[in-house]
N, C-alpha and C. Protein backbone atom coordinates (compact mmCIF):
# COMPACT_ATOMS: atom_id res chain seq x y z
N MET A 1 1.09 -9.77 -8.35
CA MET A 1 1.51 -9.13 -7.25
C MET A 1 2.20 -7.76 -7.71
N LYS A 2 1.94 -6.74 -6.99
CA LYS A 2 2.51 -5.37 -7.38
C LYS A 2 3.93 -5.34 -6.85
N VAL A 3 4.87 -5.06 -7.70
CA VAL A 3 6.24 -5.08 -7.19
C VAL A 3 6.88 -3.85 -7.72
N PHE A 4 7.84 -3.31 -6.98
CA PHE A 4 8.67 -2.14 -7.41
C PHE A 4 9.78 -2.57 -8.33
N LEU A 5 9.79 -2.21 -9.50
CA LEU A 5 10.69 -2.62 -10.50
C LEU A 5 11.76 -1.71 -10.88
N ILE A 6 13.00 -2.11 -10.71
CA ILE A 6 14.19 -1.31 -11.18
C ILE A 6 14.97 -2.18 -12.10
N LEU A 7 14.77 -1.82 -13.33
CA LEU A 7 15.44 -2.68 -14.34
C LEU A 7 16.77 -2.07 -14.94
N LEU A 8 17.65 -2.98 -14.92
CA LEU A 8 18.93 -2.62 -15.41
C LEU A 8 19.20 -3.48 -16.66
N LEU A 9 19.31 -2.99 -17.79
CA LEU A 9 19.53 -3.66 -19.06
C LEU A 9 20.85 -3.31 -19.71
N VAL A 10 21.69 -4.32 -19.68
CA VAL A 10 22.99 -4.11 -20.33
C VAL A 10 23.14 -5.03 -21.44
N ALA A 11 23.26 -4.48 -22.63
CA ALA A 11 23.41 -5.33 -23.85
C ALA A 11 24.55 -4.84 -24.71
N ALA A 12 25.26 -5.83 -25.29
CA ALA A 12 26.38 -5.54 -26.13
C ALA A 12 26.26 -6.22 -27.38
N PHE A 13 26.09 -5.52 -28.55
CA PHE A 13 25.84 -6.20 -29.87
C PHE A 13 26.95 -5.60 -30.84
N SER A 14 27.34 -6.44 -31.76
CA SER A 14 28.22 -5.94 -32.74
C SER A 14 27.35 -5.19 -33.79
N GLY A 15 27.97 -4.33 -34.63
CA GLY A 15 27.21 -3.57 -35.58
C GLY A 15 26.47 -4.55 -36.66
N ASP A 16 27.11 -5.66 -36.97
CA ASP A 16 26.40 -6.54 -37.92
C ASP A 16 25.21 -7.19 -37.37
N VAL A 17 25.34 -7.63 -36.08
CA VAL A 17 24.18 -8.28 -35.38
C VAL A 17 23.01 -7.29 -35.29
N VAL A 18 23.32 -6.06 -34.90
CA VAL A 18 22.21 -5.07 -34.74
C VAL A 18 21.54 -4.85 -36.05
N ALA A 19 22.34 -4.71 -37.15
CA ALA A 19 21.85 -4.44 -38.58
C ALA A 19 20.85 -5.59 -38.92
N ASP A 20 21.15 -6.77 -38.55
CA ASP A 20 20.33 -7.94 -38.97
C ASP A 20 19.11 -8.13 -37.93
N MET A 21 18.99 -7.47 -36.89
CA MET A 21 17.88 -7.61 -35.96
C MET A 21 16.55 -7.07 -36.48
N PRO A 22 15.41 -7.68 -36.39
CA PRO A 22 14.19 -6.92 -36.72
C PRO A 22 13.85 -5.96 -35.65
N ILE A 23 13.43 -4.84 -35.96
CA ILE A 23 13.07 -3.78 -35.00
C ILE A 23 11.53 -3.69 -34.86
N GLU A 24 11.07 -3.88 -33.62
CA GLU A 24 9.60 -3.75 -33.35
C GLU A 24 9.27 -2.30 -33.15
N THR A 25 8.34 -1.74 -33.82
CA THR A 25 7.97 -0.38 -33.71
C THR A 25 6.68 -0.06 -33.11
N THR A 26 5.90 -1.19 -32.88
CA THR A 26 4.69 -0.99 -32.18
C THR A 26 4.57 -1.58 -30.85
N LEU A 27 4.29 -0.74 -29.91
CA LEU A 27 4.15 -1.11 -28.45
C LEU A 27 2.92 -1.83 -28.26
N PRO A 28 2.75 -2.70 -27.15
CA PRO A 28 1.48 -3.27 -26.84
C PRO A 28 0.54 -2.06 -26.55
N ASN A 29 -0.69 -2.28 -26.73
CA ASN A 29 -1.75 -1.22 -26.56
C ASN A 29 -1.66 -0.61 -25.07
N ASN A 30 -1.63 -1.40 -24.09
CA ASN A 30 -1.61 -0.86 -22.76
C ASN A 30 -0.33 -0.12 -22.46
N LEU A 31 0.79 -0.57 -22.92
CA LEU A 31 2.11 0.02 -22.66
C LEU A 31 2.07 1.37 -23.46
N ASP A 32 1.72 1.33 -24.58
CA ASP A 32 1.65 2.59 -25.49
C ASP A 32 0.87 3.71 -24.64
N LYS A 33 -0.18 3.22 -24.14
CA LYS A 33 -1.12 4.23 -23.47
C LYS A 33 -0.50 4.76 -22.16
N GLU A 34 0.21 3.83 -21.47
CA GLU A 34 0.94 4.18 -20.18
C GLU A 34 1.97 5.15 -20.49
N ILE A 35 2.78 5.06 -21.47
CA ILE A 35 3.92 5.91 -21.91
C ILE A 35 3.35 7.27 -22.30
N ALA A 36 2.20 7.25 -22.96
CA ALA A 36 1.74 8.49 -23.58
C ALA A 36 1.18 9.40 -22.40
N MET A 37 0.79 8.83 -21.17
CA MET A 37 0.26 9.66 -20.27
C MET A 37 1.27 10.53 -19.50
N ASP A 38 1.01 11.79 -19.36
CA ASP A 38 1.93 12.69 -18.70
C ASP A 38 1.79 12.40 -17.14
N LEU A 39 2.85 12.64 -16.50
CA LEU A 39 2.87 12.48 -14.99
C LEU A 39 1.77 13.33 -14.30
N LYS A 40 1.57 14.58 -14.85
CA LYS A 40 0.67 15.43 -14.32
C LYS A 40 -0.85 14.92 -14.36
N ASP A 41 -0.99 13.93 -15.22
CA ASP A 41 -2.45 13.44 -15.48
C ASP A 41 -2.61 12.16 -14.60
N ARG A 42 -1.54 11.78 -13.95
CA ARG A 42 -1.77 10.57 -13.04
C ARG A 42 -2.47 10.84 -11.82
N THR A 43 -3.27 9.90 -11.36
CA THR A 43 -3.87 9.84 -9.95
C THR A 43 -2.86 9.29 -9.07
N ILE A 44 -2.20 10.06 -8.14
CA ILE A 44 -1.18 9.60 -7.23
C ILE A 44 -1.90 9.15 -5.86
N TYR A 45 -1.44 8.03 -5.32
CA TYR A 45 -1.84 7.64 -4.03
C TYR A 45 -0.69 7.35 -3.08
N PRO A 46 -0.92 7.43 -1.83
CA PRO A 46 0.08 6.96 -0.83
C PRO A 46 0.10 5.36 -0.90
N ILE A 47 1.33 4.82 -0.81
CA ILE A 47 1.49 3.26 -0.88
C ILE A 47 2.30 2.83 0.21
N ILE A 48 1.70 2.06 1.19
CA ILE A 48 2.35 1.63 2.35
C ILE A 48 3.39 0.53 2.12
N LYS A 49 4.56 0.66 2.56
CA LYS A 49 5.61 -0.33 2.27
C LYS A 49 6.36 -0.65 3.55
N ALA A 50 6.98 -1.78 3.68
CA ALA A 50 7.91 -2.18 4.85
C ALA A 50 9.14 -1.30 4.80
N GLY A 51 9.70 -1.08 5.97
CA GLY A 51 10.75 -0.10 6.06
C GLY A 51 12.07 -0.64 5.28
N ASP A 52 12.17 -1.82 4.86
CA ASP A 52 13.32 -2.19 4.10
C ASP A 52 13.11 -2.13 2.66
N TRP A 53 11.98 -1.38 2.28
CA TRP A 53 11.70 -1.17 0.83
C TRP A 53 12.88 -0.65 0.05
N PRO A 54 13.17 -1.32 -1.06
CA PRO A 54 14.38 -0.93 -1.78
C PRO A 54 14.35 0.52 -2.51
N GLY A 55 12.98 0.96 -2.67
CA GLY A 55 12.82 2.28 -3.27
C GLY A 55 13.47 3.31 -2.57
N ILE A 56 13.64 3.27 -1.28
CA ILE A 56 14.26 4.22 -0.42
C ILE A 56 15.64 4.56 -0.99
N GLN A 57 16.30 3.55 -1.29
CA GLN A 57 17.78 3.71 -1.70
C GLN A 57 17.81 4.28 -3.18
N TYR A 58 16.73 4.20 -3.89
CA TYR A 58 16.77 4.75 -5.27
C TYR A 58 15.95 6.08 -5.44
N GLY A 59 15.98 6.86 -4.35
CA GLY A 59 15.43 8.17 -4.42
C GLY A 59 13.94 8.38 -4.44
N ALA A 60 13.22 7.27 -3.98
CA ALA A 60 11.71 7.49 -3.93
C ALA A 60 11.34 8.49 -2.93
N VAL A 61 10.24 9.14 -3.21
CA VAL A 61 9.75 10.04 -2.24
C VAL A 61 8.96 9.22 -1.23
N TYR A 62 9.20 9.46 0.11
CA TYR A 62 8.52 8.73 1.14
C TYR A 62 8.50 9.39 2.35
N SER A 63 7.65 8.96 3.32
CA SER A 63 7.58 9.46 4.69
C SER A 63 7.58 8.33 5.59
N VAL A 64 8.11 8.41 6.84
CA VAL A 64 8.14 7.24 7.80
C VAL A 64 6.78 7.24 8.58
N LEU A 65 6.18 6.09 8.63
CA LEU A 65 4.92 5.95 9.37
C LEU A 65 5.23 5.40 10.79
N ILE A 66 6.09 4.29 10.83
CA ILE A 66 6.52 3.71 12.07
C ILE A 66 8.09 3.56 12.08
N GLY A 67 8.59 3.99 13.27
CA GLY A 67 10.01 3.77 13.49
C GLY A 67 10.84 5.10 13.31
N PRO A 68 12.15 5.02 13.64
CA PRO A 68 12.94 6.23 13.54
C PRO A 68 13.30 6.51 11.99
N GLU A 69 13.70 7.74 11.67
CA GLU A 69 14.04 8.10 10.29
C GLU A 69 15.20 7.28 9.78
N ASP A 70 16.22 6.90 10.58
CA ASP A 70 17.38 6.19 10.09
C ASP A 70 17.13 4.65 10.00
N ASP A 71 16.03 4.25 10.61
CA ASP A 71 15.76 2.75 10.59
C ASP A 71 14.24 2.49 10.69
N PRO A 72 13.45 2.89 9.56
CA PRO A 72 12.12 2.85 9.63
C PRO A 72 11.53 1.31 9.57
N GLU A 73 10.37 1.17 10.26
CA GLU A 73 9.78 -0.13 10.15
C GLU A 73 8.67 -0.18 9.04
N VAL A 74 8.02 1.00 8.89
CA VAL A 74 6.89 1.10 7.97
C VAL A 74 7.01 2.46 7.31
N VAL A 75 6.99 2.64 6.05
CA VAL A 75 7.02 3.81 5.31
C VAL A 75 5.90 4.02 4.35
N ILE A 76 5.79 5.28 4.02
CA ILE A 76 4.72 5.52 2.96
C ILE A 76 5.37 6.11 1.67
N GLY A 77 5.29 5.35 0.50
CA GLY A 77 5.72 5.86 -0.75
C GLY A 77 4.48 6.52 -1.41
N PHE A 78 4.81 7.04 -2.49
CA PHE A 78 3.78 7.68 -3.28
C PHE A 78 3.97 7.37 -4.86
N GLY A 79 2.83 6.93 -5.41
CA GLY A 79 2.81 6.55 -6.89
C GLY A 79 1.59 6.18 -7.47
N TYR A 80 1.53 5.58 -8.58
CA TYR A 80 0.29 5.25 -9.23
C TYR A 80 0.30 3.79 -9.73
N ASP A 81 -0.75 3.20 -9.99
CA ASP A 81 -0.83 1.89 -10.36
C ASP A 81 -0.90 1.73 -11.80
N THR A 82 -0.32 0.73 -12.44
CA THR A 82 -0.32 0.33 -13.84
C THR A 82 -0.89 -1.11 -13.79
N PRO A 83 -1.22 -1.63 -15.09
CA PRO A 83 -1.65 -3.04 -15.11
C PRO A 83 -0.57 -4.03 -14.63
N ASP A 84 0.71 -3.65 -14.58
CA ASP A 84 1.65 -4.64 -14.19
C ASP A 84 2.33 -4.36 -12.89
N ASN A 85 2.37 -3.13 -12.32
CA ASN A 85 3.08 -2.86 -11.13
C ASN A 85 2.72 -1.48 -10.71
N PHE A 86 3.40 -1.11 -9.58
CA PHE A 86 3.20 0.30 -9.03
C PHE A 86 4.48 1.06 -9.63
N VAL A 87 4.27 2.34 -10.01
CA VAL A 87 5.33 3.22 -10.39
C VAL A 87 5.34 4.35 -9.27
N PHE A 88 6.59 4.46 -8.63
CA PHE A 88 6.70 5.34 -7.55
C PHE A 88 7.35 6.80 -7.98
N LEU A 89 7.00 7.77 -7.21
CA LEU A 89 7.51 9.04 -7.43
C LEU A 89 8.90 9.05 -6.84
N THR A 90 9.77 9.71 -7.57
CA THR A 90 11.20 9.98 -6.99
C THR A 90 11.33 11.46 -6.90
N HIS A 91 12.36 11.85 -6.24
CA HIS A 91 12.62 13.33 -6.06
C HIS A 91 12.87 13.89 -7.35
N GLN A 92 13.44 13.09 -8.34
CA GLN A 92 13.69 13.62 -9.65
C GLN A 92 12.33 14.04 -10.28
N ASP A 93 11.30 13.47 -9.89
CA ASP A 93 9.95 13.93 -10.55
C ASP A 93 9.48 15.27 -10.02
N GLY A 94 10.13 15.74 -9.08
CA GLY A 94 9.95 17.13 -8.60
C GLY A 94 10.22 18.19 -9.66
N GLN A 95 11.00 17.85 -10.65
CA GLN A 95 11.28 18.75 -11.78
C GLN A 95 10.14 18.84 -12.65
N GLU A 96 9.11 17.92 -12.64
CA GLU A 96 7.92 17.99 -13.50
C GLU A 96 6.73 18.33 -12.79
N ILE A 97 6.63 17.88 -11.48
CA ILE A 97 5.41 18.14 -10.74
C ILE A 97 5.75 18.82 -9.36
N ASP A 98 4.85 19.48 -8.78
CA ASP A 98 5.13 20.11 -7.46
C ASP A 98 4.78 19.04 -6.41
N LEU A 99 5.84 18.43 -5.78
CA LEU A 99 5.61 17.42 -4.83
C LEU A 99 4.90 17.88 -3.53
N ASN A 100 5.02 19.19 -3.25
CA ASN A 100 4.29 19.73 -2.07
C ASN A 100 2.91 19.86 -2.35
N VAL A 101 2.45 19.67 -3.51
CA VAL A 101 1.00 19.70 -3.81
C VAL A 101 0.65 18.24 -4.01
N VAL A 102 1.27 17.47 -4.82
CA VAL A 102 0.99 16.06 -5.11
C VAL A 102 0.84 15.25 -3.85
N VAL A 103 1.72 15.30 -3.01
CA VAL A 103 1.77 14.47 -1.81
C VAL A 103 0.42 14.56 -0.91
N PRO A 104 0.15 15.83 -0.54
CA PRO A 104 -1.19 16.04 0.27
C PRO A 104 -2.46 15.48 -0.51
N GLN A 105 -2.34 15.78 -1.91
CA GLN A 105 -3.47 15.32 -2.81
C GLN A 105 -3.54 13.91 -2.74
N ALA A 106 -2.45 13.14 -2.61
CA ALA A 106 -2.50 11.69 -2.62
C ALA A 106 -3.33 11.11 -1.54
N PHE A 107 -3.21 11.76 -0.36
CA PHE A 107 -4.04 11.37 0.72
C PHE A 107 -5.48 11.56 0.50
N GLN A 108 -5.79 12.66 -0.13
CA GLN A 108 -7.23 12.94 -0.42
C GLN A 108 -7.81 12.01 -1.48
N ASN A 109 -6.95 11.53 -2.35
CA ASN A 109 -7.24 10.58 -3.26
C ASN A 109 -7.77 9.18 -2.62
N ILE A 110 -7.13 8.84 -1.48
CA ILE A 110 -7.58 7.61 -0.77
C ILE A 110 -8.95 7.96 -0.11
N ASP A 111 -9.20 9.11 0.32
CA ASP A 111 -10.62 9.43 0.90
C ASP A 111 -11.68 9.23 -0.13
N ALA A 112 -11.26 9.47 -1.41
CA ALA A 112 -12.23 9.41 -2.56
C ALA A 112 -12.55 8.05 -3.05
N LEU A 113 -11.70 6.95 -2.65
CA LEU A 113 -11.90 5.72 -3.04
C LEU A 113 -13.25 5.13 -2.45
N ASP A 114 -13.81 4.12 -3.22
CA ASP A 114 -14.95 3.41 -2.77
C ASP A 114 -14.48 2.24 -2.04
N VAL A 115 -14.11 2.43 -0.77
CA VAL A 115 -13.63 1.28 0.03
C VAL A 115 -14.74 0.56 0.70
N THR A 116 -14.89 -0.71 0.38
CA THR A 116 -16.01 -1.46 1.06
C THR A 116 -15.53 -2.36 2.19
N PHE A 117 -16.09 -2.07 3.37
CA PHE A 117 -15.76 -2.97 4.55
C PHE A 117 -16.79 -4.02 4.65
N VAL A 118 -16.29 -5.35 4.59
CA VAL A 118 -17.24 -6.43 4.74
C VAL A 118 -17.26 -7.13 6.12
N PRO A 119 -18.33 -7.14 6.83
CA PRO A 119 -18.39 -7.84 7.95
C PRO A 119 -18.30 -9.31 7.89
N SER A 120 -17.46 -9.97 8.79
CA SER A 120 -17.33 -11.40 8.71
C SER A 120 -18.43 -12.02 9.55
N ALA A 121 -19.19 -12.80 8.69
CA ALA A 121 -20.28 -13.57 9.41
C ALA A 121 -19.82 -14.68 10.38
N VAL A 122 -18.67 -15.21 9.99
CA VAL A 122 -18.13 -16.25 10.95
C VAL A 122 -17.74 -15.64 12.26
N LEU A 123 -17.35 -14.45 12.36
CA LEU A 123 -17.06 -13.68 13.64
C LEU A 123 -18.11 -12.84 14.00
N ASN A 124 -19.35 -13.26 13.79
CA ASN A 124 -20.59 -12.51 14.15
C ASN A 124 -20.55 -11.00 13.78
N ASN A 125 -20.03 -10.81 12.57
CA ASN A 125 -19.96 -9.40 11.97
C ASN A 125 -19.23 -8.39 12.94
N GLN A 126 -18.41 -8.97 13.68
CA GLN A 126 -17.63 -7.98 14.62
C GLN A 126 -16.27 -7.75 14.04
N VAL A 127 -15.91 -8.35 13.02
CA VAL A 127 -14.57 -8.03 12.30
C VAL A 127 -14.92 -7.63 10.87
N LEU A 128 -14.19 -6.56 10.52
CA LEU A 128 -14.45 -6.03 9.09
C LEU A 128 -13.20 -6.30 8.17
N THR A 129 -13.41 -6.61 7.04
CA THR A 129 -12.31 -6.73 6.14
C THR A 129 -12.55 -5.88 4.83
N ALA A 130 -11.44 -5.41 4.33
CA ALA A 130 -11.37 -4.68 3.03
C ALA A 130 -10.14 -5.21 2.36
N SER A 131 -10.35 -5.95 1.24
CA SER A 131 -9.33 -6.66 0.65
C SER A 131 -9.42 -6.77 -0.91
N GLY A 132 -8.33 -7.10 -1.48
CA GLY A 132 -8.44 -7.50 -2.88
C GLY A 132 -8.18 -6.36 -3.80
N GLU A 133 -8.19 -4.99 -3.42
CA GLU A 133 -8.04 -3.98 -4.22
C GLU A 133 -6.54 -3.36 -4.12
N SER A 134 -6.14 -2.65 -5.03
CA SER A 134 -4.71 -2.17 -5.02
C SER A 134 -4.46 -1.40 -3.81
N PHE A 135 -5.48 -0.61 -3.33
CA PHE A 135 -5.19 0.37 -2.30
C PHE A 135 -6.00 0.05 -0.97
N SER A 136 -6.38 -1.19 -0.85
CA SER A 136 -7.16 -1.65 0.35
C SER A 136 -6.45 -1.20 1.59
N SER A 137 -5.15 -1.61 1.60
CA SER A 137 -4.37 -1.38 2.90
C SER A 137 -4.33 0.13 3.20
N GLU A 138 -4.30 0.97 2.29
CA GLU A 138 -4.03 2.32 2.38
C GLU A 138 -5.28 3.12 3.12
N ALA A 139 -6.46 2.30 3.13
CA ALA A 139 -7.62 2.94 3.85
C ALA A 139 -7.37 3.30 5.27
N ILE A 140 -6.39 2.71 5.86
CA ILE A 140 -5.95 3.03 7.19
C ILE A 140 -5.48 4.40 7.34
N LEU A 141 -5.03 5.03 6.21
CA LEU A 141 -4.44 6.32 6.24
C LEU A 141 -5.56 7.44 6.05
N SER A 142 -6.80 7.03 5.78
CA SER A 142 -7.93 7.86 5.51
C SER A 142 -8.85 7.99 6.63
N GLN A 143 -8.98 9.09 7.27
CA GLN A 143 -9.97 9.29 8.33
C GLN A 143 -11.33 9.14 7.77
N THR A 144 -11.59 9.53 6.61
CA THR A 144 -12.98 9.20 5.98
C THR A 144 -13.29 7.90 5.90
N GLN A 145 -12.29 7.05 5.56
CA GLN A 145 -12.66 5.67 5.40
C GLN A 145 -12.76 4.97 6.71
N MET A 146 -11.80 5.33 7.70
CA MET A 146 -11.83 4.66 9.00
C MET A 146 -12.97 5.14 9.84
N LEU A 147 -13.65 6.28 9.61
CA LEU A 147 -14.82 6.61 10.37
C LEU A 147 -16.00 5.79 10.00
N LYS A 148 -15.92 5.17 8.74
CA LYS A 148 -17.06 4.27 8.27
C LYS A 148 -16.84 2.97 9.06
N ALA A 149 -15.69 2.58 9.42
CA ALA A 149 -15.43 1.36 10.24
C ALA A 149 -15.96 1.59 11.66
N HIS A 150 -15.54 2.82 12.27
CA HIS A 150 -16.00 3.15 13.55
C HIS A 150 -17.56 3.01 13.70
N GLU A 151 -18.36 3.58 12.60
CA GLU A 151 -19.71 3.49 12.70
C GLU A 151 -20.24 2.16 12.58
N MET A 152 -19.68 1.32 11.72
CA MET A 152 -20.11 -0.03 11.47
C MET A 152 -20.05 -0.97 12.69
N LEU A 153 -18.83 -0.62 13.42
CA LEU A 153 -18.63 -1.56 14.68
C LEU A 153 -19.12 -0.83 15.87
N ASP A 154 -19.59 0.37 15.75
CA ASP A 154 -20.06 1.13 16.92
C ASP A 154 -18.94 1.17 18.00
N ALA A 155 -17.72 1.56 17.55
CA ALA A 155 -16.64 1.55 18.44
C ALA A 155 -15.90 2.82 18.42
N GLU A 156 -15.44 3.33 19.63
CA GLU A 156 -14.63 4.55 19.67
C GLU A 156 -13.14 4.19 19.33
N GLN A 157 -12.68 3.02 19.58
CA GLN A 157 -11.34 2.62 19.24
C GLN A 157 -11.37 1.42 18.38
N LEU A 158 -10.42 1.33 17.46
CA LEU A 158 -10.34 0.35 16.43
C LEU A 158 -8.88 -0.26 16.50
N LEU A 159 -8.84 -1.44 16.33
CA LEU A 159 -7.45 -2.18 15.99
C LEU A 159 -7.47 -2.61 14.68
N VAL A 160 -6.47 -2.18 13.87
CA VAL A 160 -6.40 -2.51 12.39
C VAL A 160 -5.06 -3.32 12.05
N SER A 161 -5.31 -4.35 11.24
CA SER A 161 -4.24 -5.19 10.77
C SER A 161 -4.14 -4.86 9.28
N ILE A 162 -2.84 -4.49 8.89
CA ILE A 162 -2.39 -4.52 7.47
C ILE A 162 -1.17 -5.23 7.29
N ALA A 163 -1.30 -6.56 7.58
CA ALA A 163 -0.09 -7.44 7.51
C ALA A 163 0.52 -7.49 6.18
N ARG A 164 -0.22 -7.54 5.12
CA ARG A 164 0.32 -7.58 3.83
C ARG A 164 -0.51 -6.68 2.89
N ARG A 165 0.05 -6.29 1.68
CA ARG A 165 -0.52 -5.43 0.78
C ARG A 165 -1.89 -6.00 0.26
N THR A 166 -2.84 -5.13 -0.05
CA THR A 166 -4.11 -5.38 -0.45
C THR A 166 -5.06 -5.96 0.43
N GLY A 167 -4.64 -5.95 1.85
CA GLY A 167 -5.45 -6.52 2.88
C GLY A 167 -5.62 -5.64 4.01
N LEU A 168 -6.77 -5.60 4.64
CA LEU A 168 -6.98 -4.78 5.89
C LEU A 168 -8.05 -5.46 6.68
N MET A 169 -7.84 -5.67 8.11
CA MET A 169 -8.91 -6.15 8.92
C MET A 169 -9.04 -5.19 10.10
N VAL A 170 -10.31 -5.02 10.55
CA VAL A 170 -10.56 -4.08 11.65
C VAL A 170 -11.45 -4.77 12.75
N VAL A 171 -11.11 -4.45 13.95
CA VAL A 171 -12.07 -5.00 15.08
C VAL A 171 -12.07 -3.82 16.15
N SER A 172 -13.18 -3.87 16.92
CA SER A 172 -13.18 -3.00 18.08
C SER A 172 -12.16 -3.23 19.05
N ARG A 173 -11.54 -2.16 19.63
CA ARG A 173 -10.48 -2.37 20.69
C ARG A 173 -11.16 -3.00 21.86
N ASP A 174 -12.48 -2.78 22.09
CA ASP A 174 -13.19 -3.33 23.28
C ASP A 174 -13.74 -4.73 23.08
N ALA A 175 -13.36 -5.24 21.94
CA ALA A 175 -14.04 -6.71 21.69
C ALA A 175 -13.57 -7.59 22.83
N SER A 176 -14.35 -8.64 22.86
CA SER A 176 -13.95 -9.74 23.95
C SER A 176 -12.51 -10.27 23.78
N HIS A 177 -11.98 -10.76 24.82
CA HIS A 177 -10.59 -11.40 24.81
C HIS A 177 -10.55 -12.44 23.61
N ASP A 178 -11.60 -13.35 23.65
CA ASP A 178 -11.73 -14.35 22.65
C ASP A 178 -11.64 -13.85 21.24
N LEU A 179 -12.40 -12.82 20.97
CA LEU A 179 -12.43 -12.27 19.67
C LEU A 179 -11.03 -11.69 19.28
N LEU A 180 -10.47 -11.00 20.22
CA LEU A 180 -9.14 -10.31 19.89
C LEU A 180 -8.11 -11.34 19.71
N ASP A 181 -8.15 -12.48 20.47
CA ASP A 181 -7.25 -13.64 20.13
C ASP A 181 -7.46 -14.12 18.77
N LYS A 182 -8.70 -14.31 18.26
CA LYS A 182 -8.96 -14.84 16.92
C LYS A 182 -8.44 -13.78 15.94
N PHE A 183 -8.64 -12.50 16.29
CA PHE A 183 -8.23 -11.47 15.34
C PHE A 183 -6.56 -11.48 15.15
N ILE A 184 -5.93 -11.62 16.31
CA ILE A 184 -4.51 -11.72 16.26
C ILE A 184 -4.08 -13.05 15.55
N TYR A 185 -4.74 -14.02 15.63
CA TYR A 185 -4.50 -15.32 15.02
C TYR A 185 -4.60 -15.04 13.46
N LEU A 186 -5.64 -14.43 13.03
CA LEU A 186 -5.92 -14.20 11.54
C LEU A 186 -4.78 -13.23 11.06
N HIS A 187 -4.43 -12.32 11.77
CA HIS A 187 -3.29 -11.42 11.48
C HIS A 187 -2.06 -12.21 11.30
N SER A 188 -1.61 -13.07 12.26
CA SER A 188 -0.50 -13.80 12.05
C SER A 188 -0.50 -14.82 10.89
N GLU A 189 -1.70 -15.37 10.64
CA GLU A 189 -1.76 -16.19 9.48
C GLU A 189 -1.54 -15.37 8.25
N ALA A 190 -2.11 -14.16 8.17
CA ALA A 190 -1.82 -13.36 6.92
C ALA A 190 -0.32 -12.95 6.80
N TRP A 191 0.14 -12.64 7.89
CA TRP A 191 1.61 -12.22 7.91
C TRP A 191 2.54 -13.34 7.43
N ASN A 192 2.28 -14.57 7.82
CA ASN A 192 3.13 -15.72 7.47
C ASN A 192 2.73 -16.37 6.12
N ASP A 193 1.73 -15.88 5.51
CA ASP A 193 1.18 -16.54 4.33
C ASP A 193 1.67 -15.76 3.06
N ASP A 194 2.62 -16.32 2.36
CA ASP A 194 3.18 -15.70 1.12
C ASP A 194 2.63 -16.34 -0.05
N SER A 195 1.50 -17.23 0.05
CA SER A 195 1.07 -17.94 -1.06
C SER A 195 0.39 -16.95 -2.26
N TYR A 196 -0.08 -15.83 -1.81
CA TYR A 196 -0.70 -15.00 -2.72
C TYR A 196 0.31 -14.00 -3.36
N GLY A 197 1.55 -13.93 -2.80
CA GLY A 197 2.54 -13.00 -3.31
C GLY A 197 2.36 -11.60 -2.82
N ASN A 198 1.59 -11.41 -2.04
CA ASN A 198 1.32 -9.93 -1.58
C ASN A 198 2.47 -9.57 -0.54
N ALA A 199 3.14 -8.40 -0.84
CA ALA A 199 4.27 -8.05 -0.01
C ALA A 199 3.88 -7.65 1.37
N PRO A 200 4.71 -8.20 2.41
CA PRO A 200 4.42 -7.90 3.73
C PRO A 200 4.58 -6.44 4.01
N ILE A 201 3.68 -5.92 4.99
CA ILE A 201 3.86 -4.50 5.38
C ILE A 201 4.23 -4.39 6.86
N ALA A 202 3.46 -4.98 7.77
CA ALA A 202 3.85 -4.75 9.22
C ALA A 202 3.25 -5.81 10.01
N ASN A 203 4.04 -6.41 10.99
CA ASN A 203 3.57 -7.37 11.89
C ASN A 203 3.23 -6.64 13.20
N ARG A 204 2.21 -5.86 13.13
CA ARG A 204 1.80 -5.11 14.32
C ARG A 204 0.35 -4.67 13.97
N LEU A 205 -0.31 -4.33 15.11
CA LEU A 205 -1.68 -3.73 14.99
C LEU A 205 -1.65 -2.31 15.33
N PHE A 206 -2.42 -1.50 14.54
CA PHE A 206 -2.64 -0.10 14.66
C PHE A 206 -3.84 0.30 15.57
N LEU A 207 -3.68 1.30 16.34
CA LEU A 207 -4.85 1.70 17.18
C LEU A 207 -5.42 2.97 16.52
N ILE A 208 -6.68 3.01 16.29
CA ILE A 208 -7.34 4.12 15.63
C ILE A 208 -8.39 4.70 16.52
N GLU A 209 -8.22 6.01 16.56
CA GLU A 209 -9.26 6.92 17.29
C GLU A 209 -9.74 8.05 16.42
N ASN A 210 -11.07 8.17 16.33
CA ASN A 210 -11.68 9.23 15.51
C ASN A 210 -11.08 9.21 14.05
N GLY A 211 -10.87 7.84 13.68
CA GLY A 211 -10.45 7.81 12.09
C GLY A 211 -9.01 7.87 11.97
N LYS A 212 -8.15 8.16 13.00
CA LYS A 212 -6.70 8.44 12.87
C LYS A 212 -5.95 7.50 13.64
N ILE A 213 -4.81 7.11 13.04
CA ILE A 213 -3.71 6.38 13.77
C ILE A 213 -3.21 7.12 14.91
N VAL A 214 -3.39 6.61 16.17
CA VAL A 214 -2.79 7.08 17.41
C VAL A 214 -1.66 6.26 18.03
N GLY A 215 -1.53 5.03 17.57
CA GLY A 215 -0.47 4.25 18.14
C GLY A 215 -0.45 2.94 17.43
N SER A 216 0.47 2.06 17.82
CA SER A 216 0.45 0.77 17.38
C SER A 216 1.23 -0.17 18.20
N MET A 217 1.07 -1.53 18.06
CA MET A 217 1.62 -2.52 18.91
C MET A 217 2.24 -3.60 18.08
N SER A 218 3.68 -3.87 18.31
CA SER A 218 4.34 -4.89 17.56
C SER A 218 3.78 -6.28 17.99
N LEU A 219 3.62 -7.24 17.06
CA LEU A 219 3.27 -8.53 17.28
C LEU A 219 4.43 -9.57 17.12
N ALA A 220 5.59 -9.03 16.94
CA ALA A 220 6.78 -9.83 16.48
C ALA A 220 7.06 -10.84 17.52
N ASP A 221 6.81 -10.61 18.81
CA ASP A 221 7.12 -11.57 19.90
C ASP A 221 5.94 -12.25 20.49
N LYS A 222 4.80 -12.12 19.73
CA LYS A 222 3.51 -12.68 20.33
C LYS A 222 3.50 -14.21 19.84
């Protein structure tokens, strides 16, 4: 599971104890490589998070996707992936990089990803899924990616579920009532299933037109 880590390490040692402690001077290979990379060399992506994401309180750069500014339901952070977790940009990083350049570029980086939409044979290929990758959910933010879903489903309007991180489902807005009921059921199952440890994003469906989010509907009371 990708988690936002804020580590607070408080240690108190006497001088004698410290003197006797062995000092490790070699970092694990992957960590050594991660530390050596300059922030300017990172590929930054938008990362969708629930509105109660703790990163907001710690100065993370973010924008509101759903809800009011003072009480958001869904937000977009910005950061990069490492073998162990996501690392998010903070406003302090603005001293090293130009956030006004990096943030728009992050959305273009989603456009460039090789997102694969897989038709569900069980649902007569009328539902598409994209899952298992770090930024599968973020495909919803890319007009380039969502236009592929429009074409595959031959649909002018799409309903998209991103119940939890690394998962995305798509169906035509004009699908049959029976199929839409099944789609909502699958969304609810994903929303309530924490067995994979993927962080929840939103208990709602997003309406897509021409590859862009134009609205959403809460399923909290459904």
